[in-house]
Structures are given as C-alpha cells and as structure tokens.
C-alpha atoms as a PDB file:
ATOM      1  CA  MET A   1      99.352 101.836 107.186  1.00  0.00           C
ATOM      2  CA  ASN A   2      98.112 103.232 110.175  1.00  0.00           C
ATOM      3  CA  PRO A   3      94.318 102.842 110.233  1.00  0.00           C
ATOM      4  CA  ASP A   4      94.305 106.171 112.425  1.00  0.00           C
ATOM      5  CA  GLN A   5      95.948 108.077 110.248  1.00  0.00           C
ATOM      6  CA  GLU A   6      94.829 110.536 108.008  1.00  0.00           C
ATOM      7  CA  TYR A   7      95.856 109.953 104.970  1.00  0.00           C
ATOM      8  CA  TRP A   8      94.735 111.005 100.904  1.00  0.00           C
ATOM      9  CA  TYR A   9      93.110 108.198  99.705  1.00  0.00           C
ATOM     10  CA  ALA A  10      92.147 107.165  95.859  1.00  0.00           C
ATOM     11  CA  MET A  11      88.892 105.879  95.351  1.00  0.00           C
ATOM     12  CA  ARG A  12      86.454 104.740  92.420  1.00  0.00           C
ATOM     13  CA  VAL A  13      83.008 106.188  92.251  1.00  0.00           C
ATOM     14  CA  THR A  14      80.469 103.857  90.207  1.00  0.00           C
ATOM     15  CA  TYR A  15      77.529 104.934  87.848  1.00  0.00           C
ATOM     16  CA  GLY A  16      79.951 108.853  87.611  1.00  0.00           C
ATOM     17  CA  ARG A  17      78.864 109.972  90.929  1.00  0.00           C
ATOM     18  CA  GLU A  18      81.663 112.042  91.702  1.00  0.00           C
ATOM     19  CA  LEU A  19      80.831 114.921  91.890  1.00  0.00           C
ATOM     20  CA  LYS A  20      77.645 114.058  93.957  1.00  0.00           C
ATOM     21  CA  VAL A  21      79.532 111.722  96.565  1.00  0.00           C
ATOM     22  CA  GLN A  22      82.202 115.108  97.124  1.00  0.00           C
ATOM     23  CA  ALA A  23      79.303 117.409  97.667  1.00  0.00           C
ATOM     24  CA  ALA A  24      77.775 114.719  99.850  1.00  0.00           C
ATOM     25  CA  LEU A  25      80.999 113.698 101.970  1.00  0.00           C
ATOM     26  CA  ASP A  26      82.668 117.835 101.825  1.00  0.00           C
ATOM     27  CA  ASN A  27      81.606 119.158 105.001  1.00  0.00           C
ATOM     28  CA  LYS A  28      82.790 115.949 106.835  1.00  0.00           C
ATOM     29  CA  PHE A  29      86.224 114.910 104.625  1.00  0.00           C
ATOM     30  CA  LYS A  30      88.338 117.157 102.949  1.00  0.00           C
ATOM     31  CA  THR A  31      87.526 116.052  99.420  1.00  0.00           C
ATOM     32  CA  TYR A  32      89.417 116.533  95.802  1.00  0.00           C
ATOM     33  CA  VAL A  33      87.592 116.312  92.007  1.00  0.00           C
ATOM     34  CA  PRO A  34      89.502 117.266  89.582  1.00  0.00           C
ATOM     35  CA  LYS A  35      87.268 118.987  86.952  1.00  0.00           C
ATOM     36  CA  CYS A  36      87.167 120.981  83.949  1.00  0.00           C
ATOM     37  CA  TYR A  37      84.410 122.458  81.782  1.00  0.00           C
ATOM     38  CA  LYS A  38      82.904 120.444  79.173  1.00  0.00           C
ATOM     39  CA  THR A  39      80.502 122.298  76.305  1.00  0.00           C
ATOM     40  CA  VAL A  40      77.146 120.220  76.506  1.00  0.00           C
ATOM     41  CA  ASN A  41      74.603 120.928  73.675  1.00  0.00           C
ATOM     42  CA  ARG A  42      71.395 120.414  75.183  1.00  0.00           C
ATOM     43  CA  PHE A  43      67.967 121.409  73.469  1.00  0.00           C
ATOM     44  CA  GLY A  44      69.812 122.666  70.795  1.00  0.00           C
ATOM     45  CA  HIS A  45      71.664 124.845  72.947  1.00  0.00           C
ATOM     46  CA  ARG A  46      75.370 124.570  73.577  1.00  0.00           C
ATOM     47  CA  HIS A  47      76.926 125.407  76.924  1.00  0.00           C
ATOM     48  CA  TYR A  48      79.645 125.295  79.459  1.00  0.00           C
ATOM     49  CA  GLU A  49      79.139 122.707  82.561  1.00  0.00           C
ATOM     50  CA  ILE A  50      82.023 121.841  84.893  1.00  0.00           C
ATOM     51  CA  ALA A  51      82.497 118.559  84.839  1.00  0.00           C
ATOM     52  CA  SER A  52      84.798 115.808  86.316  1.00  0.00           C
ATOM     53  CA  GLN A  53      87.889 115.220  84.548  1.00  0.00           C
ATOM     54  CA  VAL A  54      88.396 111.757  85.171  1.00  0.00           C
ATOM     55  CA  SER A  55      85.200 109.837  85.384  1.00  0.00           C
ATOM     56  CA  ASN A  56      84.692 107.824  88.559  1.00  0.00           C
ATOM     57  CA  LEU A  57      87.500 108.724  90.345  1.00  0.00           C
ATOM     58  CA  ILE A  58      87.834 111.203  93.828  1.00  0.00           C
ATOM     59  CA  PHE A  59      90.111 111.961  96.493  1.00  0.00           C
ATOM     60  CA  ILE A  60      89.605 111.820  99.764  1.00  0.00           C
ATOM     61  CA  TYR A  61      91.772 112.836 103.080  1.00  0.00           C
ATOM     62  CA  ALA A  62      90.874 110.826 106.186  1.00  0.00           C
ATOM     63  CA  SER A  63      91.426 107.954 108.568  1.00  0.00           C
ATOM     64  CA  PHE A  64      90.881 104.544 107.114  1.00  0.00           C
ATOM     65  CA  TYR A  65      88.121 103.774 110.255  1.00  0.00           C
ATOM     66  CA  SER A  66      86.676 107.085 109.220  1.00  0.00           C
ATOM     67  CA  ILE A  67      85.979 106.072 106.149  1.00  0.00           C
ATOM     68  CA  GLN A  68      84.735 102.882 106.947  1.00  0.00           C
ATOM     69  CA  GLU A  69      82.366 104.360 109.055  1.00  0.00           C
ATOM     70  CA  GLU A  70      80.806 106.929 107.191  1.00  0.00           C
ATOM     71  CA  LYS A  71      80.473 104.310 104.324  1.00  0.00           C
ATOM     72  CA  LYS A  72      77.832 102.390 106.679  1.00  0.00           C
ATOM     73  CA  LYS A  73      75.752 105.371 107.230  1.00  0.00           C
ATOM     74  CA  ASP A  74      75.762 107.824 104.546  1.00  0.00           C
ATOM     75  CA  THR A  75      74.075 106.594 101.149  1.00  0.00           C
ATOM     76  CA  ALA A  76      76.303 108.622  99.397  1.00  0.00           C
ATOM     77  CA  ALA A  77      79.451 107.181 100.518  1.00  0.00           C
ATOM     78  CA  GLN A  78      78.257 103.702  99.932  1.00  0.00           C
ATOM     79  CA  TYR A  79      79.369 104.630  95.893  1.00  0.00           C
ATOM     80  CA  LEU A  80      82.844 104.150  97.108  1.00  0.00           C
ATOM     81  CA  ARG A  81      85.133 102.016  96.386  1.00  0.00           C
ATOM     82  CA  TYR A  82      89.337 101.517  97.283  1.00  0.00           C
ATOM     83  CA  ILE A  83      91.518 101.216  94.721  1.00  0.00           C
ATOM     84  CA  LYS A  84      94.332  98.153  95.679  1.00  0.00           C
ATOM     85  CA  LYS A  85      97.959  98.093  94.929  1.00  0.00           C
ATOM     86  CA  ARG A  86      99.679  95.292  93.346  1.00  0.00           C
ATOM     87  CA  ASP A  87     100.368  94.477  97.005  1.00  0.00           C
ATOM     88  CA  ASN A  88      97.103  94.171  97.926  1.00  0.00           C
ATOM     89  CA  ASP A  89      97.031  97.334  99.772  1.00  0.00           C
ATOM     90  CA  TYR A  90      94.857 100.223  99.560  1.00  0.00           C
ATOM     91  CA  LEU A  91      96.412 103.254  97.244  1.00  0.00           C
ATOM     92  CA  THR A  92      97.323 106.479  99.250  1.00  0.00           C
ATOM     93  CA  ILE A  93      98.487 109.481  97.927  1.00  0.00           C
ATOM     94  CA  PRO A  94     101.928 111.561 100.067  1.00  0.00           C
ATOM     95  CA  ASN A  95     100.766 114.623 100.854  1.00  0.00           C
ATOM     96  CA  LYS A  96     102.877 116.614  99.457  1.00  0.00           C
ATOM     97  CA  GLN A  97     102.682 115.273  95.984  1.00  0.00           C
ATOM     98  CA  MET A  98      98.484 115.463  96.412  1.00  0.00           C
ATOM     99  CA  GLU A  99      99.189 119.385  97.519  1.00  0.00           C
ATOM    100  CA  ASP A 100     101.613 119.425  94.096  1.00  0.00           C
ATOM    101  CA  PHE A 101      98.634 117.831  91.976  1.00  0.00           C
ATOM    102  CA  MET A 102      95.824 120.031  93.505  1.00  0.00           C
ATOM    103  CA  ARG A 103      97.789 123.504  92.496  1.00  0.00           C
ATOM    104  CA  VAL A 104      98.717 121.969  88.845  1.00  0.00           C
ATOM    105  CA  SER A 105      95.268 120.934  88.300  1.00  0.00           C
ATOM    106  CA  GLU A 106      93.794 124.211  89.218  1.00  0.00           C
ATOM    107  CA  LEU A 107      95.451 126.042  86.325  1.00  0.00           C
ATOM    108  CA  PRO A 108      93.639 127.475  83.245  1.00  0.00           C
ATOM    109  CA  GLU A 109      93.071 124.227  81.038  1.00  0.00           C
ATOM    110  CA  GLU A 110      95.328 126.029  77.902  1.00  0.00           C
ATOM    111  CA  LYS A 111      98.229 125.620  80.320  1.00  0.00           C
ATOM    112  CA  LEU A 112      97.523 121.832  81.036  1.00  0.00           C
ATOM    113  CA  ILE A 113      98.208 118.965  79.014  1.00  0.00           C
ATOM    114  CA  PRO A 114      96.304 116.092  80.310  1.00  0.00           C
ATOM    115  CA  ILE A 115      97.726 112.461  80.107  1.00  0.00           C
ATOM    116  CA  ASP A 116      96.670 109.439  79.281  1.00  0.00           C
ATOM    117  CA  ILE A 117      98.485 106.564  81.766  1.00  0.00           C
ATOM    118  CA  LYS A 118      97.910 103.021  80.773  1.00  0.00           C
ATOM    119  CA  GLU A 119      98.839 100.096  82.923  1.00  0.00           C
ATOM    120  CA  GLY A 120     102.405  99.981  82.950  1.00  0.00           C
ATOM    121  CA  THR A 121     103.135 103.093  82.128  1.00  0.00           C
ATOM    122  CA  LYS A 122     106.261 104.411  83.350  1.00  0.00           C
ATOM    123  CA  LEU A 123     106.593 108.680  83.386  1.00  0.00           C
ATOM    124  CA  ASN A 124     110.638 108.556  83.580  1.00  0.00           C
ATOM    125  CA  GLY A 125     112.515 111.646  83.585  1.00  0.00           C
ATOM    126  CA  GLN A 126     114.784 113.958  85.179  1.00  0.00           C
ATOM    127  CA  LYS A 127     112.798 115.162  89.129  1.00  0.00           C
ATOM    128  CA  VAL A 128     112.656 118.981  88.864  1.00  0.00           C
ATOM    129  CA  ARG A 129     110.790 121.099  91.270  1.00  0.00           C
ATOM    130  CA  ILE A 130     109.495 124.435  89.943  1.00  0.00           C
ATOM    131  CA  ILE A 131     111.418 127.695  91.854  1.00  0.00           C
ATOM    132  CA  GLU A 132     109.839 131.189  90.765  1.00  0.00           C
ATOM    133  CA  GLY A 133     106.354 131.608  89.291  1.00  0.00           C
ATOM    134  CA  GLU A 134     103.050 130.529  90.352  1.00  0.00           C
ATOM    135  CA  LEU A 135     104.189 126.622  91.261  1.00  0.00           C
ATOM    136  CA  ALA A 136     107.214 127.566  93.169  1.00  0.00           C
ATOM    137  CA  GLY A 137     107.746 124.262  95.079  1.00  0.00           C
ATOM    138  CA  VAL A 138     105.781 122.279  92.671  1.00  0.00           C
ATOM    139  CA  GLU A 139     108.184 119.110  91.642  1.00  0.00           C
ATOM    140  CA  GLY A 140     107.480 116.549  88.689  1.00  0.00           C
ATOM    141  CA  ARG A 141     109.400 115.003  85.956  1.00  0.00           C
ATOM    142  CA  ILE A 142     110.591 116.478  82.966  1.00  0.00           C
ATOM    143  CA  MET A 143     109.694 114.478  79.910  1.00  0.00           C
ATOM    144  CA  ARG A 144     109.333 114.929  76.272  1.00  0.00           C
ATOM    145  CA  LEU A 145     106.049 115.704  75.072  1.00  0.00           C
ATOM    146  CA  GLN A 146     104.702 116.925  71.360  1.00  0.00           C
ATOM    147  CA  GLY A 147     108.099 117.670  70.896  1.00  0.00           C
ATOM    148  CA  ASN A 148     109.353 119.772  73.851  1.00  0.00           C
ATOM    149  CA  LYS A 149     110.282 119.673  77.285  1.00  0.00           C
ATOM    150  CA  LYS A 150     107.700 119.560  79.498  1.00  0.00           C
ATOM    151  CA  VAL A 151     107.487 118.960  83.716  1.00  0.00           C
ATOM    152  CA  VAL A 152     104.523 116.398  84.252  1.00  0.00           C
ATOM    153  CA  VAL A 153     102.982 116.244  88.155  1.00  0.00           C
ATOM    154  CA  ASN A 154     101.148 112.508  88.422  1.00  0.00           C
ATOM    155  CA  VAL A 155      99.453 111.076  91.640  1.00  0.00           C
ATOM    156  CA  SER A 156     100.414 107.875  92.109  1.00  0.00           C
ATOM    157  CA  ASN A 157     100.265 107.147  88.308  1.00  0.00           C
ATOM    158  CA  LEU A 158      96.793 107.142  88.361  1.00  0.00           C
ATOM    159  CA  ILE A 159      96.553 110.866  87.005  1.00  0.00           C
ATOM    160  CA  ALA A 160      99.206 113.350  85.485  1.00  0.00           C
ATOM    161  CA  TYR A 161      99.129 116.607  83.797  1.00  0.00           C
ATOM    162  CA  ALA A 162     102.200 118.172  81.603  1.00  0.00           C
ATOM    163  CA  ILE A 163     102.673 121.860  82.327  1.00  0.00           C
ATOM    164  CA  SER A 164     102.538 123.391  78.746  1.00  0.00           C
ATOM    165  CA  PHE A 165     105.148 125.830  79.575  1.00  0.00           C
ATOM    166  CA  VAL A 166     107.704 126.463  82.053  1.00  0.00           C
ATOM    167  CA  PRO A 167     111.118 128.589  81.817  1.00  0.00           C
ATOM    168  CA  PRO A 168     113.866 126.375  82.247  1.00  0.00           C
ATOM    169  CA  ALA A 169     115.571 128.857  84.867  1.00  0.00           C
ATOM    170  CA  TRP A 170     112.927 128.100  86.690  1.00  0.00           C
ATOM    171  CA  LEU A 171     113.530 124.516  87.361  1.00  0.00           C
ATOM    172  CA  ARG A 172     115.808 122.912  89.825  1.00  0.00           C
ATOM    173  CA  LYS A 173     116.969 119.307  89.243  1.00  0.00           C
ATOM    174  CA  ILE A 174     116.323 117.303  92.671  1.00  0.00           C
ATOM    175  CA  GLU A 175     118.557 114.299  93.269  1.00  0.00           C
END
C-alpha cells in the first residue's frame, strides 16, 4: 500500500458521530456514510430523520498521509479509527466495489435487504454483473435469502445489501 496514493478507507468513528464527522470532512475529502430514514418519537410526536445505516462506520477516499495530517489538526477527525485486516494492514476498499455499493445503498429501502455480517461469515455464490436497468454495471453474488435468489453487494465483508429483485435476464456470470 502506497501511503501517498488515495484509497477508500473504512474507518470507525467513536460515539455515533459518523454524520458529524462526515459533515466536517466533506469539504476536505470524499466521504460516504450509508444512510436510512428512521422513525423517531419525540415529545409524543413521530417523525422521520436521516440516520446512519451502520453506526460508527464511515468511508473516506484519501491518502493515508492526508488522513493522518487531518487527524492531527481537526478535532472532528480525531474520532476516526482505522479498521485493520487480519494481517494488521489497514482495510482499503477497491474503487469499483465502493462505487457499486454506493449505487446500491442509495436505492429506496423497500428494494434492499440489509445483511448482518458476523465475524467469519463468507458471502459465497456465483459472481454476476447486472447488465440492464438502473443498476447496470453493478457486480455482486447470487445468494439464496428468504427462499429466493438475490444479488448481494458487499464491501469487504463489513456491510452488505441484497437487492430485492433483479430479473434473471439482466444478469451475466463473471468468471
């Protein structure tokens, strides 16, 4: 890993501050936090607000050195913690995988099924590419969920979504 080259880093943010950190870093780095609408009851009134889909997780596209420099001088960036792989290297996500995940996670909630990935879970299945529709070009794996085959898009086994329906004619196998 070249510390001067830009990568997508998956990072933890302490105390549920991912949206605040994203707002503080948006003008400095390209950032992404998967979001959803949550129902909140306050003072007897129910309303919807945008919240993070996965608490304490943010993706930042930058070089290692630029993140380190920002952590030294910005108070919001001090809450960032790198996620490490088993070989003690920092977790980076390939651009294509991150772009596909961002496109899928922006779909309406009724078209997505969040998948709870536990430690050691393997997402196996035939690798496919969607060739038509609004998700043309997205790559994922075919998995059986809820009794049906679904296309699952995941980011380095951190977070995954199953697309509720993709016509089989729109899928092509990838070797």
